Amino acid sequence: MSGCASIPTASKQQDAAAKEFQAPDDKSGIDRYRSANFGGGIQTAFPIGAKSTGQAGPKTCFMWGMAPERHTIESLTGSTPKLTLDARPGCISCGRQ
């Protein structure tokens, strides 16, 4: 048995804007990159606190503009690792899975 996953992606303009890594002065930018090829057919959800943020396939990137405060990002996989960070206004925080 074999299969593959397909996930919606951002437009080319949204992708280019996210890769500029600019956070507004009153928000914090949170960047999450899924580098793993292992389990590539599995879509992985990345909730931040109680907010659903979508699902990622391998070698995909998310960029969120969030309130500057403490956030916990989860990776809903078999081991459910968590990343807690103190997001500051005008700054970008990065995480990689």
Protein backbone atom coordinates (compact mmCIF):
# COMPACT_ATOMS: atom_id res chain seq x y z
CA MET A 1 0.00 0.00 0.00
CA SER A 2 1.23 3.51 -0.71
CA GLY A 3 -0.13 7.01 -0.67
CA CYS A 4 0.73 10.65 -0.49
CA ALA A 5 -0.57 13.74 1.25
CA SER A 6 -1.51 17.03 -0.31
CA ILE A 7 -1.86 20.23 1.68
CA PRO A 8 -2.91 23.71 0.59
CA THR A 9 -0.07 26.19 0.30
CA ALA A 10 0.18 29.97 0.32
CA SER A 11 0.22 32.05 -2.83
CA LYS A 12 3.62 33.03 -4.25
CA GLN A 13 3.12 36.57 -2.89
CA GLN A 14 2.30 35.32 0.63
CA ASP A 15 5.28 32.95 0.51
CA ALA A 16 7.65 35.76 -0.52
CA ALA A 17 6.30 38.10 2.18
CA ALA A 18 6.72 35.44 4.90
CA LYS A 19 10.32 34.81 3.82
CA GLU A 20 11.15 38.47 4.50
CA PHE A 21 10.77 37.65 8.23
CA GLN A 22 9.29 41.04 9.13
CA ALA A 23 7.19 41.36 12.28
CA PRO A 24 5.00 44.43 12.85
CA ASP A 25 6.08 46.58 15.80
CA ASP A 26 3.00 45.59 17.82
CA LYS A 27 3.05 41.84 17.00
CA SER A 28 5.44 38.95 17.31
CA GLY A 29 6.27 36.72 14.35
CA ILE A 30 6.36 32.98 14.97
CA ASP A 31 7.94 30.84 12.26
CA ARG A 32 7.63 27.05 12.32
CA TYR A 33 9.48 24.86 9.78
CA ARG A 34 8.90 21.14 9.35
CA SER A 35 12.11 19.79 7.89
CA ALA A 36 11.58 16.07 8.40
CA ASN A 37 11.01 13.73 5.50
CA PHE A 38 10.24 10.91 7.94
CA GLY A 39 6.50 10.36 7.94
CA GLY A 40 6.22 12.56 4.88
CA GLY A 41 2.77 11.25 4.01
CA ILE A 42 1.48 12.31 7.41
CA GLN A 43 0.10 15.80 7.87
CA THR A 44 1.13 17.26 11.22
CA ALA A 45 -1.04 19.77 13.10
CA PHE A 46 0.61 22.69 14.96
CA PRO A 47 -1.84 24.25 17.43
CA ILE A 48 -0.69 27.33 19.32
CA GLY A 49 -2.47 27.25 22.65
CA ALA A 50 -6.14 26.61 21.83
CA LYS A 51 -5.81 28.04 18.28
CA SER A 52 -5.77 25.62 15.36
CA THR A 53 -3.14 26.79 12.89
CA GLY A 54 -3.34 24.20 10.11
CA GLN A 55 -1.39 21.14 9.10
CA ALA A 56 2.05 20.80 7.55
CA GLY A 57 3.70 18.30 5.28
CA PRO A 58 7.47 17.79 5.05
CA LYS A 59 9.62 20.82 4.17
CA THR A 60 6.82 23.31 4.80
CA CYS A 61 6.88 26.55 6.74
CA PHE A 62 4.27 28.45 8.74
CA MET A 63 4.52 32.12 9.75
CA TRP A 64 2.02 33.62 12.21
CA GLY A 65 1.59 37.14 13.51
CA MET A 66 0.75 36.72 17.20
CA ALA A 67 0.21 38.85 20.28
CA PRO A 68 3.49 39.44 22.14
CA GLU A 69 3.08 37.03 25.07
CA ARG A 70 3.99 33.48 26.11
CA HIS A 71 2.87 30.88 23.54
CA THR A 72 3.05 27.09 23.50
CA ILE A 73 3.29 25.42 20.11
CA GLU A 74 2.53 21.72 19.92
CA SER A 75 3.29 19.17 17.24
CA LEU A 76 0.47 16.65 17.24
CA THR A 77 2.52 13.60 16.39
CA GLY A 78 3.01 10.35 18.27
CA SER A 79 5.20 12.00 20.92
CA THR A 80 3.41 15.44 20.94
CA PRO A 81 6.46 17.64 21.63
CA LYS A 82 5.85 21.21 22.82
CA LEU A 83 7.78 24.44 22.39
CA THR A 84 7.06 27.31 24.81
CA LEU A 85 8.37 30.75 23.96
CA ASP A 86 8.04 34.32 25.19
CA ALA A 87 7.19 36.23 22.03
CA ARG A 88 8.27 39.89 22.01
CA PRO A 89 6.83 42.70 19.87
CA GLY A 90 8.67 43.29 16.61
CA CYS A 91 10.68 40.05 16.96
CA ILE A 92 10.60 36.72 15.11
CA SER A 93 10.78 33.40 16.99
CA CYS A 94 11.68 30.31 14.98
CA GLY A 95 11.12 26.60 15.62
CA ARG A 96 12.02 23.55 13.56
CA GLN A 97 10.66 20.03 13.69
